[in-house]
Amino acid sequence: MTVRRVVAGDRGGSTVLLAGGIVTIATLCVVLVGSHSALVVRSRTAGAADASALAAADALAGVVVGSPCDRAAVTAEANGVDLTACVVSGAEATVEVSTALGPIGVTARASAGPPPPSAPPRGRVP
């Protein structure tokens, strides 16, 4: 009889525990999806900054026609970000791009230029 009293007094307890577990799992899923989205946007923005800096460096080297900052702006726009800064110093270009993730701004910077004189040759070395 003792067992029946304990079981009878726990009516609905498992429903409450199950509902709490479902809410906890749903909350974790929302947090994980949000953080994953932030990482994806950050990576995409960093890639766009790299591409924009390389485009500016190509213009500086004469590989493509145009102003370095104009080339960087076109590349940034093609990657879905805004060019917020472009600085040319000698043969090196530094760019800053930004985009938004909801109300949060995501910014990335990158620099590109010719390789240093001490850089090893690329490819096969005999």
N, C-alpha and C. Protein backbone atom coordinates (compact mmCIF):
# COMPACT_ATOMS: atom_id res chain seq x y z
N MET A 1 0.80 -1.19 0.00
CA MET A 1 0.00 0.00 0.00
C MET A 1 0.85 1.26 0.00
N THR A 2 2.00 1.19 0.57
CA THR A 2 2.86 2.36 0.61
C THR A 2 3.25 2.80 -0.80
N VAL A 3 3.50 1.84 -1.66
CA VAL A 3 3.88 2.15 -3.03
C VAL A 3 2.75 2.86 -3.75
N ARG A 4 1.53 2.43 -3.55
CA ARG A 4 0.40 3.07 -4.22
C ARG A 4 0.22 4.51 -3.76
N ARG A 5 0.43 4.79 -2.53
CA ARG A 5 0.27 6.16 -2.04
C ARG A 5 1.31 7.09 -2.67
N VAL A 6 2.54 6.63 -2.79
CA VAL A 6 3.59 7.45 -3.39
C VAL A 6 3.29 7.70 -4.86
N VAL A 7 2.92 6.65 -5.58
CA VAL A 7 2.62 6.78 -7.00
C VAL A 7 1.38 7.63 -7.19
N ALA A 8 0.37 7.45 -6.40
CA ALA A 8 -0.86 8.23 -6.54
C ALA A 8 -0.60 9.70 -6.26
N GLY A 9 0.34 10.02 -5.38
CA GLY A 9 0.63 11.42 -5.06
C GLY A 9 1.48 12.11 -6.10
N ASP A 10 2.02 11.36 -7.07
CA ASP A 10 2.89 11.94 -8.09
C ASP A 10 2.18 12.13 -9.42
N ARG A 11 0.90 12.18 -9.43
CA ARG A 11 0.17 12.34 -10.68
C ARG A 11 0.56 13.65 -11.36
N GLY A 12 0.97 13.56 -12.65
CA GLY A 12 1.31 14.76 -13.43
C GLY A 12 2.75 15.22 -13.25
N GLY A 13 3.49 14.59 -12.38
CA GLY A 13 4.88 15.00 -12.15
C GLY A 13 5.77 14.77 -13.36
N SER A 14 5.57 13.67 -14.04
CA SER A 14 6.40 13.39 -15.22
C SER A 14 6.07 14.35 -16.37
N THR A 15 4.83 14.81 -16.43
CA THR A 15 4.45 15.77 -17.46
C THR A 15 5.20 17.08 -17.25
N VAL A 16 5.30 17.52 -16.02
CA VAL A 16 6.02 18.75 -15.71
C VAL A 16 7.50 18.59 -16.03
N LEU A 17 8.08 17.46 -15.67
CA LEU A 17 9.49 17.21 -15.99
C LEU A 17 9.72 17.16 -17.49
N LEU A 18 8.83 16.51 -18.22
CA LEU A 18 8.95 16.44 -19.67
C LEU A 18 8.83 17.83 -20.30
N ALA A 19 7.89 18.62 -19.84
CA ALA A 19 7.73 19.99 -20.37
C ALA A 19 8.98 20.82 -20.07
N GLY A 20 9.53 20.68 -18.88
CA GLY A 20 10.77 21.40 -18.55
C GLY A 20 11.93 20.96 -19.41
N GLY A 21 12.02 19.67 -19.68
CA GLY A 21 13.08 19.16 -20.56
C GLY A 21 12.94 19.68 -21.98
N ILE A 22 11.71 19.73 -22.48
CA ILE A 22 11.48 20.24 -23.83
C ILE A 22 11.85 21.72 -23.92
N VAL A 23 11.47 22.50 -22.92
CA VAL A 23 11.81 23.93 -22.91
C VAL A 23 13.33 24.11 -22.86
N THR A 24 14.01 23.31 -22.07
CA THR A 24 15.47 23.40 -21.97
C THR A 24 16.13 23.06 -23.31
N ILE A 25 15.68 22.01 -23.95
CA ILE A 25 16.25 21.61 -25.24
C ILE A 25 15.97 22.67 -26.30
N ALA A 26 14.76 23.22 -26.31
CA ALA A 26 14.42 24.27 -27.28
C ALA A 26 15.29 25.51 -27.07
N THR A 27 15.51 25.88 -25.82
CA THR A 27 16.35 27.04 -25.52
C THR A 27 17.78 26.80 -25.99
N LEU A 28 18.32 25.62 -25.74
CA LEU A 28 19.66 25.30 -26.20
C LEU A 28 19.76 25.33 -27.72
N CYS A 29 18.73 24.86 -28.40
CA CYS A 29 18.73 24.89 -29.87
C CYS A 29 18.75 26.32 -30.38
N VAL A 30 17.97 27.19 -29.78
CA VAL A 30 17.94 28.60 -30.20
C VAL A 30 19.31 29.24 -29.98
N VAL A 31 19.92 28.98 -28.85
CA VAL A 31 21.25 29.54 -28.55
C VAL A 31 22.29 29.01 -29.53
N LEU A 32 22.26 27.71 -29.81
CA LEU A 32 23.24 27.13 -30.74
C LEU A 32 23.06 27.65 -32.16
N VAL A 33 21.82 27.78 -32.61
CA VAL A 33 21.58 28.30 -33.96
C VAL A 33 22.03 29.75 -34.04
N GLY A 34 21.76 30.54 -33.01
CA GLY A 34 22.18 31.94 -33.00
C GLY A 34 23.69 32.08 -33.01
N SER A 35 24.38 31.29 -32.22
CA SER A 35 25.84 31.39 -32.19
C SER A 35 26.44 30.87 -33.50
N HIS A 36 25.84 29.85 -34.09
CA HIS A 36 26.31 29.34 -35.37
C HIS A 36 26.13 30.41 -36.45
N SER A 37 25.01 31.09 -36.45
CA SER A 37 24.78 32.17 -37.42
C SER A 37 25.82 33.27 -37.26
N ALA A 38 26.15 33.62 -36.03
CA ALA A 38 27.15 34.65 -35.79
C ALA A 38 28.51 34.22 -36.32
N LEU A 39 28.87 32.97 -36.14
CA LEU A 39 30.15 32.48 -36.65
C LEU A 39 30.19 32.47 -38.17
N VAL A 40 29.08 32.11 -38.79
CA VAL A 40 29.01 32.10 -40.25
C VAL A 40 29.16 33.51 -40.80
N VAL A 41 28.45 34.47 -40.21
CA VAL A 41 28.53 35.86 -40.68
C VAL A 41 29.93 36.41 -40.45
N ARG A 42 30.54 36.09 -39.31
CA ARG A 42 31.89 36.57 -39.04
C ARG A 42 32.88 36.01 -40.05
N SER A 43 32.77 34.74 -40.37
CA SER A 43 33.67 34.12 -41.35
C SER A 43 33.45 34.70 -42.74
N ARG A 44 32.20 34.91 -43.10
CA ARG A 44 31.89 35.48 -44.41
C ARG A 44 32.43 36.91 -44.52
N THR A 45 32.32 37.67 -43.44
CA THR A 45 32.82 39.04 -43.43
C THR A 45 34.35 39.05 -43.52
N ALA A 46 35.00 38.15 -42.80
CA ALA A 46 36.47 38.07 -42.87
C ALA A 46 36.93 37.67 -44.27
N GLY A 47 36.23 36.75 -44.90
CA GLY A 47 36.57 36.36 -46.27
C GLY A 47 36.38 37.50 -47.25
N ALA A 48 35.33 38.29 -47.04
CA ALA A 48 35.08 39.44 -47.90
C ALA A 48 36.17 40.50 -47.71
N ALA A 49 36.64 40.67 -46.48
CA ALA A 49 37.73 41.62 -46.22
C ALA A 49 39.01 41.16 -46.91
N ASP A 50 39.31 39.87 -46.82
CA ASP A 50 40.49 39.32 -47.50
C ASP A 50 40.41 39.53 -49.00
N ALA A 51 39.27 39.22 -49.58
CA ALA A 51 39.10 39.36 -51.03
C ALA A 51 39.21 40.83 -51.45
N SER A 52 38.65 41.73 -50.66
CA SER A 52 38.71 43.15 -50.98
C SER A 52 40.14 43.67 -50.90
N ALA A 53 40.88 43.23 -49.88
CA ALA A 53 42.28 43.65 -49.75
C ALA A 53 43.11 43.12 -50.91
N LEU A 54 42.87 41.89 -51.31
CA LEU A 54 43.60 41.32 -52.45
C LEU A 54 43.26 42.06 -53.75
N ALA A 55 42.00 42.45 -53.92
CA ALA A 55 41.62 43.20 -55.11
C ALA A 55 42.33 44.56 -55.14
N ALA A 56 42.41 45.20 -53.98
CA ALA A 56 43.12 46.48 -53.90
C ALA A 56 44.61 46.29 -54.19
N ALA A 57 45.20 45.22 -53.67
CA ALA A 57 46.62 44.95 -53.91
C ALA A 57 46.87 44.65 -55.39
N ASP A 58 45.94 43.95 -56.03
CA ASP A 58 46.07 43.69 -57.47
C ASP A 58 46.06 44.99 -58.25
N ALA A 59 45.21 45.93 -57.86
CA ALA A 59 45.18 47.23 -58.54
C ALA A 59 46.48 48.00 -58.30
N LEU A 60 47.01 47.90 -57.09
CA LEU A 60 48.29 48.56 -56.79
C LEU A 60 49.42 47.98 -57.62
N ALA A 61 49.40 46.68 -57.83
CA ALA A 61 50.46 46.01 -58.59
C ALA A 61 50.27 46.15 -60.10
N GLY A 62 49.13 46.68 -60.52
CA GLY A 62 48.88 46.84 -61.94
C GLY A 62 48.32 45.61 -62.62
N VAL A 63 47.92 44.63 -61.83
CA VAL A 63 47.36 43.40 -62.39
C VAL A 63 45.97 43.67 -62.98
N VAL A 64 45.22 44.55 -62.32
CA VAL A 64 43.90 44.96 -62.81
C VAL A 64 43.88 46.48 -62.93
N VAL A 65 43.01 46.98 -63.76
CA VAL A 65 42.91 48.42 -63.99
C VAL A 65 41.95 49.02 -62.97
N GLY A 66 42.30 50.18 -62.46
CA GLY A 66 41.41 50.91 -61.56
C GLY A 66 42.10 51.32 -60.28
N SER A 67 41.38 52.13 -59.53
CA SER A 67 41.86 52.60 -58.24
C SER A 67 41.79 51.45 -57.23
N PRO A 68 42.78 51.31 -56.36
CA PRO A 68 42.75 50.22 -55.38
C PRO A 68 41.49 50.23 -54.51
N CYS A 69 41.10 51.40 -54.05
CA CYS A 69 39.92 51.46 -53.18
C CYS A 69 38.63 51.22 -53.95
N ASP A 70 38.60 51.64 -55.23
CA ASP A 70 37.43 51.34 -56.05
C ASP A 70 37.30 49.84 -56.28
N ARG A 71 38.42 49.17 -56.55
CA ARG A 71 38.40 47.72 -56.75
C ARG A 71 37.96 47.01 -55.46
N ALA A 72 38.45 47.53 -54.31
CA ALA A 72 38.07 46.94 -53.03
C ALA A 72 36.57 47.12 -52.78
N ALA A 73 36.03 48.28 -53.13
CA ALA A 73 34.60 48.55 -52.93
C ALA A 73 33.74 47.64 -53.80
N VAL A 74 34.15 47.44 -55.05
CA VAL A 74 33.40 46.55 -55.95
C VAL A 74 33.42 45.12 -55.42
N THR A 75 34.57 44.68 -54.95
CA THR A 75 34.70 43.32 -54.42
C THR A 75 33.89 43.15 -53.14
N ALA A 76 33.93 44.16 -52.28
CA ALA A 76 33.15 44.10 -51.04
C ALA A 76 31.66 44.01 -51.35
N GLU A 77 31.20 44.83 -52.28
CA GLU A 77 29.78 44.81 -52.65
C GLU A 77 29.39 43.45 -53.24
N ALA A 78 30.27 42.88 -54.05
CA ALA A 78 30.00 41.56 -54.64
C ALA A 78 29.90 40.48 -53.57
N ASN A 79 30.56 40.70 -52.43
CA ASN A 79 30.52 39.74 -51.33
C ASN A 79 29.45 40.07 -50.30
N GLY A 80 28.64 41.09 -50.56
CA GLY A 80 27.52 41.41 -49.68
C GLY A 80 27.88 42.16 -48.42
N VAL A 81 29.00 42.89 -48.43
CA VAL A 81 29.39 43.69 -47.28
C VAL A 81 29.65 45.12 -47.74
N ASP A 82 29.79 46.03 -46.78
CA ASP A 82 30.08 47.43 -47.08
C ASP A 82 31.54 47.73 -46.78
N LEU A 83 32.21 48.42 -47.69
CA LEU A 83 33.58 48.86 -47.45
C LEU A 83 33.50 50.11 -46.58
N THR A 84 34.06 50.05 -45.37
CA THR A 84 33.99 51.19 -44.45
C THR A 84 35.29 51.97 -44.39
N ALA A 85 36.41 51.35 -44.78
CA ALA A 85 37.70 52.06 -44.79
C ALA A 85 38.63 51.40 -45.78
N CYS A 86 39.45 52.22 -46.43
CA CYS A 86 40.46 51.72 -47.36
C CYS A 86 41.66 52.64 -47.26
N VAL A 87 42.79 52.08 -46.87
CA VAL A 87 44.01 52.87 -46.71
C VAL A 87 45.11 52.22 -47.55
N VAL A 88 45.73 53.03 -48.40
CA VAL A 88 46.85 52.55 -49.22
C VAL A 88 48.12 53.16 -48.66
N SER A 89 49.06 52.30 -48.33
CA SER A 89 50.34 52.75 -47.78
C SER A 89 51.45 52.03 -48.55
N GLY A 90 52.09 52.77 -49.44
CA GLY A 90 53.12 52.15 -50.28
C GLY A 90 52.50 51.15 -51.21
N ALA A 91 52.97 49.91 -51.15
CA ALA A 91 52.44 48.85 -52.01
C ALA A 91 51.44 47.97 -51.27
N GLU A 92 51.00 48.40 -50.09
CA GLU A 92 50.08 47.60 -49.28
C GLU A 92 48.76 48.32 -49.12
N ALA A 93 47.67 47.56 -49.18
CA ALA A 93 46.33 48.10 -48.98
C ALA A 93 45.71 47.45 -47.75
N THR A 94 45.08 48.26 -46.93
CA THR A 94 44.36 47.77 -45.76
C THR A 94 42.91 48.20 -45.89
N VAL A 95 42.00 47.26 -45.76
CA VAL A 95 40.58 47.55 -45.89
C VAL A 95 39.84 47.12 -44.64
N GLU A 96 38.69 47.75 -44.43
CA GLU A 96 37.79 47.37 -43.36
C GLU A 96 36.40 47.25 -43.97
N VAL A 97 35.74 46.15 -43.71
CA VAL A 97 34.39 45.94 -44.23
C VAL A 97 33.46 45.64 -43.06
N SER A 98 32.17 45.86 -43.28
CA SER A 98 31.21 45.58 -42.22
C SER A 98 29.90 45.08 -42.82
N THR A 99 29.17 44.38 -42.00
CA THR A 99 27.83 43.91 -42.34
C THR A 99 27.05 43.81 -41.04
N ALA A 100 25.78 43.50 -41.14
CA ALA A 100 24.95 43.44 -39.94
C ALA A 100 24.39 42.03 -39.75
N LEU A 101 24.31 41.65 -38.50
CA LEU A 101 23.64 40.42 -38.10
C LEU A 101 22.53 40.85 -37.16
N GLY A 102 21.37 41.13 -37.73
CA GLY A 102 20.29 41.71 -36.93
C GLY A 102 20.72 43.09 -36.47
N PRO A 103 20.62 43.37 -35.18
CA PRO A 103 21.03 44.68 -34.67
C PRO A 103 22.53 44.79 -34.40
N ILE A 104 23.25 43.70 -34.59
CA ILE A 104 24.68 43.67 -34.26
C ILE A 104 25.50 43.89 -35.52
N GLY A 105 26.48 44.79 -35.46
CA GLY A 105 27.39 45.01 -36.57
C GLY A 105 28.59 44.08 -36.49
N VAL A 106 29.01 43.57 -37.64
CA VAL A 106 30.17 42.69 -37.71
C VAL A 106 31.19 43.37 -38.61
N THR A 107 32.42 43.55 -38.11
CA THR A 107 33.47 44.25 -38.85
C THR A 107 34.68 43.34 -38.98
N ALA A 108 35.37 43.46 -40.12
CA ALA A 108 36.61 42.70 -40.34
C ALA A 108 37.60 43.58 -41.08
N ARG A 109 38.88 43.39 -40.78
CA ARG A 109 39.96 44.14 -41.45
C ARG A 109 40.92 43.15 -42.09
N ALA A 110 41.53 43.59 -43.19
CA ALA A 110 42.53 42.75 -43.86
C ALA A 110 43.50 43.64 -44.59
N SER A 111 44.73 43.16 -44.73
CA SER A 111 45.77 43.87 -45.47
C SER A 111 46.34 42.93 -46.51
N ALA A 112 46.77 43.52 -47.64
CA ALA A 112 47.40 42.71 -48.68
C ALA A 112 48.40 43.58 -49.43
N GLY A 113 49.41 42.94 -49.93
CA GLY A 113 50.45 43.62 -50.68
C GLY A 113 51.39 42.59 -51.26
N PRO A 114 52.51 43.04 -51.78
CA PRO A 114 53.47 42.08 -52.35
C PRO A 114 54.10 41.24 -51.25
N PRO A 115 54.60 40.07 -51.60
CA PRO A 115 55.25 39.24 -50.59
C PRO A 115 56.55 39.89 -50.13
N PRO A 116 56.98 39.61 -48.91
CA PRO A 116 58.25 40.16 -48.44
C PRO A 116 59.41 39.60 -49.26
N PRO A 117 60.50 40.34 -49.37
CA PRO A 117 61.64 39.87 -50.17
C PRO A 117 62.21 38.54 -49.69
N SER A 118 62.07 38.22 -48.44
CA SER A 118 62.64 36.99 -47.90
C SER A 118 61.70 35.80 -48.02
N ALA A 119 60.56 35.97 -48.69
CA ALA A 119 59.61 34.88 -48.82
C ALA A 119 60.19 33.77 -49.70
N PRO A 120 60.02 32.52 -49.29
CA PRO A 120 60.54 31.41 -50.10
C PRO A 120 59.75 31.30 -51.40
N PRO A 121 60.36 30.74 -52.44
CA PRO A 121 59.64 30.58 -53.70
C PRO A 121 58.51 29.58 -53.54
N ARG A 122 57.45 29.79 -54.31
CA ARG A 122 56.31 28.89 -54.26
C ARG A 122 56.47 27.78 -55.28
N GLY A 123 55.89 26.67 -55.00
CA GLY A 123 55.95 25.55 -55.94
C GLY A 123 57.09 24.61 -55.58
N ARG A 124 57.47 23.80 -56.54
CA ARG A 124 58.53 22.81 -56.31
C ARG A 124 59.89 23.47 -56.36
N VAL A 125 60.69 23.12 -55.41
CA VAL A 125 62.07 23.62 -55.37
C VAL A 125 62.98 22.45 -55.74
N PRO A 126 63.82 22.60 -56.78
CA PRO A 126 64.68 21.48 -57.20
C PRO A 126 65.71 21.10 -56.16
